[in-house]
Amino acid sequence: MEQKHIDLFWTKVNKTDSCWNWTAAKCRDGYGLYSIKKLGQFKAHRFSLMSIGIDIPQGYVVMHHCDNPSCVNPAHLKPATVQENNKDKQNKRRQSFPKGTANAGAKLTDDQVRDIKLRARVGSRVGYNNGSNIKELAAEYNVIPETIRLIARGITWDHI
């Protein structure tokens, strides 16, 4: 990444005693957007970490400890899995979408989730039980195997 892009980036930041707020373009969720010709558009908080040499593994998000979407202070940011970020939101009671069947996008019912939990989990091991495995359950309920794994591990549908 060229230094001129990094220098320009930091001119669009208002540094306070805690958060460093992005002052340029933002998406509707309040996250900053930074565009570089021929390189594309970046979320400002991701670019902040990349500009100081922090690698963000593929498939990871950048989690805000401060819960301020416009903050680009590297001390407030860290790469995290989607699951870690969602758990952080839950722990801070910032989960803004309805859970389970209250969510209009839900493909499963509460009873189906109970059945999946019963059949997909053996003690602390996710896998076989009563002849059902992850792929078979996914096919039976017309969802992807990762959905079954997340349910069995208590990452999603944890209210059931």
N, C-alpha and C. Protein backbone atom coordinates (compact mmCIF):
# COMPACT_ATOMS: atom_id res chain seq x y z
N MET A 1 0.84 -1.17 0.00
CA MET A 1 0.00 0.00 0.00
C MET A 1 0.89 1.24 0.00
N GLU A 2 0.60 2.15 -0.88
CA GLU A 2 1.44 3.34 -1.02
C GLU A 2 1.22 4.31 0.14
N GLN A 3 2.30 4.94 0.57
CA GLN A 3 2.25 5.86 1.70
C GLN A 3 1.30 7.04 1.43
N LYS A 4 1.22 7.49 0.16
CA LYS A 4 0.34 8.63 -0.14
C LYS A 4 -1.12 8.29 0.16
N HIS A 5 -1.53 7.01 -0.06
CA HIS A 5 -2.90 6.60 0.25
C HIS A 5 -3.13 6.59 1.76
N ILE A 6 -2.12 6.16 2.49
CA ILE A 6 -2.22 6.13 3.96
C ILE A 6 -2.28 7.55 4.51
N ASP A 7 -1.41 8.42 4.01
CA ASP A 7 -1.39 9.81 4.48
C ASP A 7 -2.73 10.50 4.21
N LEU A 8 -3.28 10.29 3.01
CA LEU A 8 -4.58 10.89 2.68
C LEU A 8 -5.68 10.34 3.58
N PHE A 9 -5.63 9.06 3.86
CA PHE A 9 -6.62 8.44 4.74
C PHE A 9 -6.69 9.17 6.09
N TRP A 10 -5.53 9.39 6.71
CA TRP A 10 -5.52 9.98 8.05
C TRP A 10 -5.93 11.44 8.07
N THR A 11 -5.96 12.12 6.90
CA THR A 11 -6.46 13.50 6.87
C THR A 11 -7.99 13.53 7.00
N LYS A 12 -8.63 12.40 6.87
CA LYS A 12 -10.09 12.31 6.94
C LYS A 12 -10.57 11.79 8.30
N VAL A 13 -9.71 11.94 9.31
CA VAL A 13 -10.00 11.42 10.64
C VAL A 13 -9.95 12.54 11.67
N ASN A 14 -10.95 12.60 12.54
CA ASN A 14 -10.99 13.55 13.65
C ASN A 14 -10.63 12.78 14.92
N LYS A 15 -9.42 13.01 15.43
CA LYS A 15 -8.96 12.28 16.62
C LYS A 15 -9.42 12.98 17.89
N THR A 16 -10.14 12.21 18.72
CA THR A 16 -10.52 12.70 20.05
C THR A 16 -9.69 11.96 21.08
N ASP A 17 -9.97 12.17 22.36
CA ASP A 17 -9.23 11.48 23.41
C ASP A 17 -9.45 9.97 23.38
N SER A 18 -10.57 9.54 22.78
CA SER A 18 -10.82 8.09 22.73
C SER A 18 -10.98 7.64 21.27
N CYS A 19 -12.13 7.88 20.68
CA CYS A 19 -12.37 7.43 19.31
C CYS A 19 -11.75 8.39 18.30
N TRP A 20 -11.31 7.82 17.19
CA TRP A 20 -10.83 8.58 16.05
C TRP A 20 -11.90 8.41 14.98
N ASN A 21 -12.69 9.46 14.78
CA ASN A 21 -13.88 9.36 13.93
C ASN A 21 -13.60 9.69 12.47
N TRP A 22 -14.12 8.83 11.61
CA TRP A 22 -14.03 9.01 10.17
C TRP A 22 -14.96 10.15 9.78
N THR A 23 -14.44 11.12 9.00
CA THR A 23 -15.22 12.31 8.66
C THR A 23 -15.69 12.34 7.20
N ALA A 24 -15.26 11.38 6.41
CA ALA A 24 -15.63 11.36 4.99
C ALA A 24 -16.84 10.45 4.78
N ALA A 25 -16.95 9.89 3.60
CA ALA A 25 -18.12 9.08 3.21
C ALA A 25 -18.35 7.91 4.17
N LYS A 26 -19.65 7.64 4.39
CA LYS A 26 -20.04 6.52 5.27
C LYS A 26 -21.18 5.76 4.61
N CYS A 27 -21.24 4.47 4.94
CA CYS A 27 -22.38 3.67 4.48
C CYS A 27 -23.55 3.93 5.42
N ARG A 28 -24.72 3.37 5.10
CA ARG A 28 -25.91 3.68 5.90
C ARG A 28 -25.81 3.18 7.34
N ASP A 29 -24.93 2.22 7.60
CA ASP A 29 -24.74 1.72 8.97
C ASP A 29 -23.76 2.56 9.78
N GLY A 30 -23.19 3.59 9.16
CA GLY A 30 -22.29 4.49 9.87
C GLY A 30 -20.82 4.16 9.75
N TYR A 31 -20.49 3.07 9.05
CA TYR A 31 -19.08 2.71 8.85
C TYR A 31 -18.48 3.56 7.75
N GLY A 32 -17.24 4.02 7.98
CA GLY A 32 -16.56 4.84 7.01
C GLY A 32 -16.20 4.07 5.76
N LEU A 33 -16.17 4.79 4.64
CA LEU A 33 -15.79 4.21 3.35
C LEU A 33 -14.63 5.01 2.78
N TYR A 34 -13.60 4.31 2.32
CA TYR A 34 -12.43 4.95 1.75
C TYR A 34 -12.14 4.33 0.40
N SER A 35 -12.11 5.16 -0.64
CA SER A 35 -11.89 4.68 -2.00
C SER A 35 -10.53 5.12 -2.52
N ILE A 36 -9.88 4.20 -3.22
CA ILE A 36 -8.61 4.47 -3.87
C ILE A 36 -8.76 4.04 -5.32
N LYS A 37 -8.51 4.97 -6.24
CA LYS A 37 -8.60 4.62 -7.66
C LYS A 37 -7.74 3.40 -7.97
N LYS A 38 -8.28 2.52 -8.75
CA LYS A 38 -7.64 1.29 -9.22
C LYS A 38 -7.45 0.23 -8.14
N LEU A 39 -7.71 0.56 -6.88
CA LEU A 39 -7.63 -0.43 -5.81
C LEU A 39 -9.01 -0.78 -5.25
N GLY A 40 -9.95 0.16 -5.39
CA GLY A 40 -11.32 -0.10 -4.94
C GLY A 40 -11.68 0.62 -3.66
N GLN A 41 -12.78 0.16 -3.08
CA GLN A 41 -13.32 0.78 -1.88
C GLN A 41 -13.06 -0.11 -0.67
N PHE A 42 -12.74 0.53 0.44
CA PHE A 42 -12.45 -0.18 1.69
C PHE A 42 -13.34 0.37 2.79
N LYS A 43 -13.69 -0.48 3.74
CA LYS A 43 -14.29 0.04 4.97
C LYS A 43 -13.15 0.73 5.72
N ALA A 44 -13.41 1.93 6.22
CA ALA A 44 -12.35 2.74 6.82
C ALA A 44 -11.69 2.05 8.01
N HIS A 45 -12.46 1.34 8.83
CA HIS A 45 -11.86 0.69 10.00
C HIS A 45 -10.94 -0.46 9.57
N ARG A 46 -11.26 -1.14 8.46
CA ARG A 46 -10.37 -2.19 7.94
C ARG A 46 -9.07 -1.55 7.41
N PHE A 47 -9.24 -0.46 6.66
CA PHE A 47 -8.07 0.22 6.09
C PHE A 47 -7.16 0.73 7.21
N SER A 48 -7.73 1.19 8.30
CA SER A 48 -6.95 1.68 9.43
C SER A 48 -5.98 0.61 9.91
N LEU A 49 -6.48 -0.61 10.12
CA LEU A 49 -5.60 -1.69 10.57
C LEU A 49 -4.57 -2.07 9.50
N MET A 50 -5.02 -2.15 8.25
CA MET A 50 -4.10 -2.50 7.17
C MET A 50 -3.00 -1.46 7.03
N SER A 51 -3.34 -0.18 7.28
CA SER A 51 -2.35 0.89 7.10
C SER A 51 -1.22 0.83 8.11
N ILE A 52 -1.45 0.15 9.24
CA ILE A 52 -0.38 0.02 10.24
C ILE A 52 0.23 -1.38 10.22
N GLY A 53 -0.11 -2.14 9.17
CA GLY A 53 0.53 -3.44 8.97
C GLY A 53 -0.14 -4.62 9.64
N ILE A 54 -1.36 -4.45 10.12
CA ILE A 54 -2.07 -5.57 10.74
C ILE A 54 -2.80 -6.35 9.66
N ASP A 55 -2.53 -7.64 9.60
CA ASP A 55 -3.14 -8.53 8.62
C ASP A 55 -4.54 -8.91 9.09
N ILE A 56 -5.49 -8.87 8.17
CA ILE A 56 -6.85 -9.30 8.46
C ILE A 56 -7.08 -10.57 7.65
N PRO A 57 -7.12 -11.72 8.32
CA PRO A 57 -7.28 -12.98 7.59
C PRO A 57 -8.55 -13.00 6.75
N GLN A 58 -8.50 -13.73 5.65
CA GLN A 58 -9.66 -13.85 4.76
C GLN A 58 -10.84 -14.40 5.55
N GLY A 59 -12.01 -13.79 5.36
CA GLY A 59 -13.21 -14.22 6.05
C GLY A 59 -13.41 -13.57 7.41
N TYR A 60 -12.43 -12.79 7.86
CA TYR A 60 -12.55 -12.11 9.16
C TYR A 60 -13.16 -10.72 8.98
N VAL A 61 -13.75 -10.22 10.04
CA VAL A 61 -14.25 -8.86 10.10
C VAL A 61 -13.35 -8.09 11.04
N VAL A 62 -13.57 -6.78 11.14
CA VAL A 62 -12.86 -5.97 12.11
C VAL A 62 -13.86 -5.55 13.18
N MET A 63 -13.59 -5.96 14.41
CA MET A 63 -14.49 -5.70 15.53
C MET A 63 -14.08 -4.42 16.25
N HIS A 64 -15.08 -3.62 16.60
CA HIS A 64 -14.87 -2.39 17.36
C HIS A 64 -15.07 -2.67 18.85
N HIS A 65 -14.05 -2.41 19.67
CA HIS A 65 -14.23 -2.53 21.13
C HIS A 65 -15.09 -1.38 21.64
N CYS A 66 -15.04 -0.25 20.96
CA CYS A 66 -15.75 0.96 21.39
C CYS A 66 -17.21 1.00 20.92
N ASP A 67 -17.57 0.11 20.00
CA ASP A 67 -18.93 0.05 19.45
C ASP A 67 -19.33 1.31 18.70
N ASN A 68 -18.35 2.03 18.18
CA ASN A 68 -18.60 3.23 17.39
C ASN A 68 -18.23 2.92 15.94
N PRO A 69 -19.24 2.74 15.05
CA PRO A 69 -18.93 2.33 13.68
C PRO A 69 -18.02 3.28 12.91
N SER A 70 -18.01 4.55 13.26
CA SER A 70 -17.16 5.49 12.52
C SER A 70 -15.74 5.59 13.09
N CYS A 71 -15.46 4.87 14.17
CA CYS A 71 -14.14 4.92 14.78
C CYS A 71 -13.12 4.13 13.97
N VAL A 72 -11.95 4.73 13.74
CA VAL A 72 -10.85 4.07 13.04
C VAL A 72 -9.59 4.01 13.90
N ASN A 73 -9.73 4.23 15.20
CA ASN A 73 -8.59 4.16 16.12
C ASN A 73 -8.13 2.70 16.20
N PRO A 74 -6.91 2.41 15.74
CA PRO A 74 -6.45 1.01 15.75
C PRO A 74 -6.48 0.37 17.14
N ALA A 75 -6.37 1.16 18.18
CA ALA A 75 -6.41 0.62 19.54
C ALA A 75 -7.82 0.11 19.89
N HIS A 76 -8.83 0.52 19.14
CA HIS A 76 -10.21 0.10 19.38
C HIS A 76 -10.65 -1.03 18.47
N LEU A 77 -9.76 -1.48 17.59
CA LEU A 77 -10.13 -2.44 16.54
C LEU A 77 -9.31 -3.71 16.64
N LYS A 78 -9.94 -4.82 16.21
CA LYS A 78 -9.17 -6.07 16.10
C LYS A 78 -9.85 -7.00 15.11
N PRO A 79 -9.06 -7.77 14.37
CA PRO A 79 -9.66 -8.78 13.48
C PRO A 79 -10.37 -9.83 14.32
N ALA A 80 -11.53 -10.28 13.85
CA ALA A 80 -12.30 -11.28 14.57
C ALA A 80 -13.12 -12.10 13.58
N THR A 81 -13.51 -13.28 14.00
CA THR A 81 -14.42 -14.07 13.18
C THR A 81 -15.81 -13.46 13.28
N VAL A 82 -16.66 -13.80 12.35
CA VAL A 82 -18.05 -13.32 12.41
C VAL A 82 -18.69 -13.80 13.71
N GLN A 83 -18.40 -15.04 14.09
CA GLN A 83 -18.97 -15.58 15.32
C GLN A 83 -18.51 -14.79 16.55
N GLU A 84 -17.22 -14.44 16.60
CA GLU A 84 -16.70 -13.64 17.73
C GLU A 84 -17.37 -12.27 17.76
N ASN A 85 -17.53 -11.67 16.60
CA ASN A 85 -18.17 -10.36 16.52
C ASN A 85 -19.63 -10.44 16.96
N ASN A 86 -20.33 -11.47 16.51
CA ASN A 86 -21.74 -11.64 16.90
C ASN A 86 -21.86 -11.89 18.40
N LYS A 87 -20.96 -12.69 18.95
CA LYS A 87 -20.98 -12.97 20.40
C LYS A 87 -20.72 -11.68 21.18
N ASP A 88 -19.80 -10.85 20.67
CA ASP A 88 -19.52 -9.56 21.31
C ASP A 88 -20.78 -8.69 21.30
N LYS A 89 -21.51 -8.68 20.18
CA LYS A 89 -22.76 -7.91 20.11
C LYS A 89 -23.77 -8.43 21.12
N GLN A 90 -23.89 -9.75 21.21
CA GLN A 90 -24.83 -10.34 22.17
C GLN A 90 -24.45 -9.99 23.59
N ASN A 91 -23.16 -10.12 23.92
CA ASN A 91 -22.71 -9.82 25.28
C ASN A 91 -22.96 -8.37 25.66
N LYS A 92 -22.89 -7.49 24.68
CA LYS A 92 -23.11 -6.06 24.94
C LYS A 92 -24.56 -5.66 24.69
N ARG A 93 -25.39 -6.65 24.40
CA ARG A 93 -26.82 -6.45 24.15
C ARG A 93 -27.06 -5.46 23.00
N ARG A 94 -26.25 -5.61 21.94
CA ARG A 94 -26.41 -4.79 20.74
C ARG A 94 -26.98 -5.59 19.59
N GLN A 95 -27.48 -6.78 19.87
CA GLN A 95 -28.04 -7.63 18.82
C GLN A 95 -29.32 -6.94 18.35
N SER A 96 -29.31 -6.46 17.12
CA SER A 96 -30.42 -5.63 16.66
C SER A 96 -31.44 -6.37 15.81
N PHE A 97 -31.22 -7.64 15.53
CA PHE A 97 -32.18 -8.34 14.70
C PHE A 97 -32.91 -9.39 15.53
N PRO A 98 -34.14 -9.68 15.16
CA PRO A 98 -34.92 -10.65 15.93
C PRO A 98 -34.31 -12.05 15.86
N LYS A 99 -34.49 -12.80 16.95
CA LYS A 99 -33.95 -14.16 17.01
C LYS A 99 -34.98 -15.17 16.56
N GLY A 100 -34.47 -16.31 16.09
CA GLY A 100 -35.31 -17.46 15.78
C GLY A 100 -36.41 -17.17 14.79
N THR A 101 -37.59 -17.70 15.07
CA THR A 101 -38.71 -17.56 14.13
C THR A 101 -39.24 -16.13 14.07
N ALA A 102 -38.84 -15.28 15.01
CA ALA A 102 -39.23 -13.87 14.94
C ALA A 102 -38.49 -13.16 13.80
N ASN A 103 -37.41 -13.77 13.33
CA ASN A 103 -36.65 -13.23 12.21
C ASN A 103 -37.33 -13.69 10.92
N ALA A 104 -37.73 -12.76 10.08
CA ALA A 104 -38.44 -13.09 8.84
C ALA A 104 -37.62 -13.97 7.91
N GLY A 105 -36.31 -13.99 8.07
CA GLY A 105 -35.45 -14.80 7.21
C GLY A 105 -35.20 -16.21 7.74
N ALA A 106 -35.80 -16.55 8.88
CA ALA A 106 -35.57 -17.87 9.48
C ALA A 106 -36.12 -18.96 8.57
N LYS A 107 -35.31 -20.01 8.37
CA LYS A 107 -35.72 -21.14 7.54
C LYS A 107 -36.17 -22.32 8.40
N LEU A 108 -35.91 -22.25 9.69
CA LEU A 108 -36.22 -23.36 10.58
C LEU A 108 -37.21 -22.93 11.66
N THR A 109 -37.92 -23.90 12.18
CA THR A 109 -38.82 -23.64 13.31
C THR A 109 -38.10 -23.98 14.61
N ASP A 110 -38.66 -23.56 15.73
CA ASP A 110 -38.08 -23.89 17.02
C ASP A 110 -38.00 -25.41 17.21
N ASP A 111 -39.06 -26.12 16.82
CA ASP A 111 -39.06 -27.58 16.96
C ASP A 111 -37.98 -28.24 16.11
N GLN A 112 -37.77 -27.73 14.90
CA GLN A 112 -36.72 -28.28 14.04
C GLN A 112 -35.35 -28.06 14.67
N VAL A 113 -35.14 -26.89 15.25
CA VAL A 113 -33.86 -26.59 15.90
C VAL A 113 -33.65 -27.52 17.10
N ARG A 114 -34.69 -27.75 17.88
CA ARG A 114 -34.57 -28.69 19.00
C ARG A 114 -34.16 -30.07 18.51
N ASP A 115 -34.78 -30.51 17.42
CA ASP A 115 -34.46 -31.81 16.84
C ASP A 115 -33.02 -31.85 16.36
N ILE A 116 -32.58 -30.79 15.69
CA ILE A 116 -31.20 -30.71 15.20
C ILE A 116 -30.23 -30.78 16.38
N LYS A 117 -30.50 -30.03 17.44
CA LYS A 117 -29.63 -30.04 18.61
C LYS A 117 -29.56 -31.42 19.24
N LEU A 118 -30.67 -32.09 19.30
CA LEU A 118 -30.72 -33.43 19.87
C LEU A 118 -29.95 -34.43 19.03
N ARG A 119 -30.09 -34.34 17.73
CA ARG A 119 -29.50 -35.33 16.83
C ARG A 119 -28.07 -35.02 16.41
N ALA A 120 -27.67 -33.77 16.42
CA ALA A 120 -26.35 -33.41 15.89
C ALA A 120 -25.27 -33.35 16.96
N ARG A 121 -25.64 -33.35 18.20
CA ARG A 121 -24.65 -33.15 19.26
C ARG A 121 -24.51 -34.39 20.13
N VAL A 122 -23.26 -34.78 20.36
CA VAL A 122 -22.96 -35.89 21.26
C VAL A 122 -22.00 -35.36 22.30
N GLY A 123 -22.47 -35.09 23.50
CA GLY A 123 -21.60 -34.51 24.53
C GLY A 123 -21.03 -33.21 24.03
N SER A 124 -19.72 -33.10 24.03
CA SER A 124 -19.09 -31.88 23.53
C SER A 124 -18.64 -32.06 22.08
N ARG A 125 -18.98 -33.19 21.48
CA ARG A 125 -18.54 -33.49 20.11
C ARG A 125 -19.71 -33.34 19.14
N VAL A 126 -19.52 -32.56 18.11
CA VAL A 126 -20.54 -32.41 17.09
C VAL A 126 -20.28 -33.48 16.04
N GLY A 127 -21.29 -34.23 15.69
CA GLY A 127 -21.07 -35.26 14.69
C GLY A 127 -22.23 -36.22 14.60
N TYR A 128 -22.00 -37.46 14.95
CA TYR A 128 -22.99 -38.50 14.77
C TYR A 128 -23.80 -38.73 16.04
N ASN A 129 -25.07 -39.01 15.86
CA ASN A 129 -25.95 -39.41 16.95
C ASN A 129 -27.20 -39.98 16.32
N ASN A 130 -27.67 -41.10 16.79
CA ASN A 130 -28.88 -41.73 16.24
C ASN A 130 -28.78 -41.90 14.73
N GLY A 131 -27.59 -42.09 14.20
CA GLY A 131 -27.43 -42.31 12.77
C GLY A 131 -27.48 -41.03 11.94
N SER A 132 -27.58 -39.87 12.56
CA SER A 132 -27.63 -38.61 11.81
C SER A 132 -26.26 -37.94 11.85
N ASN A 133 -25.84 -37.44 10.72
CA ASN A 133 -24.63 -36.63 10.73
C ASN A 133 -24.98 -35.25 10.18
N ILE A 134 -24.01 -34.36 10.21
CA ILE A 134 -24.22 -32.97 9.84
C ILE A 134 -24.77 -32.84 8.41
N LYS A 135 -24.15 -33.52 7.46
CA LYS A 135 -24.60 -33.40 6.06
C LYS A 135 -26.01 -33.95 5.87
N GLU A 136 -26.31 -35.06 6.54
CA GLU A 136 -27.66 -35.64 6.41
C GLU A 136 -28.71 -34.70 6.99
N LEU A 137 -28.41 -34.12 8.14
CA LEU A 137 -29.36 -33.17 8.75
C LEU A 137 -29.55 -31.94 7.86
N ALA A 138 -28.46 -31.46 7.29
CA ALA A 138 -28.54 -30.29 6.41
C ALA A 138 -29.45 -30.60 5.22
N ALA A 139 -29.28 -31.78 4.63
CA ALA A 139 -30.12 -32.18 3.49
C ALA A 139 -31.57 -32.32 3.93
N GLU A 140 -31.78 -32.92 5.08
CA GLU A 140 -33.15 -33.13 5.59
C GLU A 140 -33.88 -31.81 5.81
N TYR A 141 -33.17 -30.82 6.34
CA TYR A 141 -33.80 -29.54 6.65
C TYR A 141 -33.56 -28.46 5.58
N ASN A 142 -32.93 -28.85 4.47
CA ASN A 142 -32.71 -27.96 3.34
C ASN A 142 -31.93 -26.69 3.73
N VAL A 143 -30.84 -26.90 4.49
CA VAL A 143 -29.94 -25.82 4.87
C VAL A 143 -28.51 -26.30 4.60
N ILE A 144 -27.56 -25.41 4.69
CA ILE A 144 -26.17 -25.81 4.47
C ILE A 144 -25.61 -26.45 5.74
N PRO A 145 -24.61 -27.33 5.61
CA PRO A 145 -24.04 -27.99 6.79
C PRO A 145 -23.56 -27.01 7.87
N GLU A 146 -23.04 -25.86 7.47
CA GLU A 146 -22.56 -24.89 8.46
C GLU A 146 -23.69 -24.43 9.38
N THR A 147 -24.91 -24.34 8.85
CA THR A 147 -26.05 -23.97 9.68
C THR A 147 -26.25 -24.99 10.80
N ILE A 148 -26.15 -26.26 10.45
CA ILE A 148 -26.31 -27.33 11.44
C ILE A 148 -25.18 -27.26 12.46
N ARG A 149 -23.94 -27.06 12.00
CA ARG A 149 -22.80 -26.97 12.92
C ARG A 149 -22.98 -25.81 13.91
N LEU A 150 -23.39 -24.65 13.41
CA LEU A 150 -23.55 -23.48 14.28
C LEU A 150 -24.65 -23.70 15.32
N ILE A 151 -25.73 -24.36 14.91
CA ILE A 151 -26.81 -24.68 15.85
C ILE A 151 -26.29 -25.66 16.90
N ALA A 152 -25.62 -26.73 16.46
CA ALA A 152 -25.13 -27.77 17.38
C ALA A 152 -24.12 -27.21 18.37
N ARG A 153 -23.33 -26.24 17.97
CA ARG A 153 -22.32 -25.65 18.86
C ARG A 153 -22.89 -24.53 19.72
N GLY A 154 -24.16 -24.19 19.53
CA GLY A 154 -24.78 -23.15 20.34
C GLY A 154 -24.42 -21.74 19.94
N ILE A 155 -23.90 -21.58 18.71
CA ILE A 155 -23.53 -20.25 18.24
C ILE A 155 -24.75 -19.51 17.70
N THR A 156 -25.62 -20.24 17.00
CA THR A 156 -26.88 -19.66 16.54
C THR A 156 -28.03 -20.40 17.21
N TRP A 157 -29.16 -19.79 17.25
CA TRP A 157 -30.35 -20.36 17.89
C TRP A 157 -30.04 -20.74 19.34
N ASP A 158 -29.20 -19.94 20.00
CA ASP A 158 -28.81 -20.27 21.37
C ASP A 158 -29.91 -20.01 22.39
N HIS A 159 -30.98 -19.39 21.97
CA HIS A 159 -32.11 -19.15 22.86
C HIS A 159 -33.03 -20.35 22.99
N ILE A 160 -32.81 -21.38 22.15
CA ILE A 160 -33.62 -22.59 22.17
C ILE A 160 -32.91 -23.64 23.02
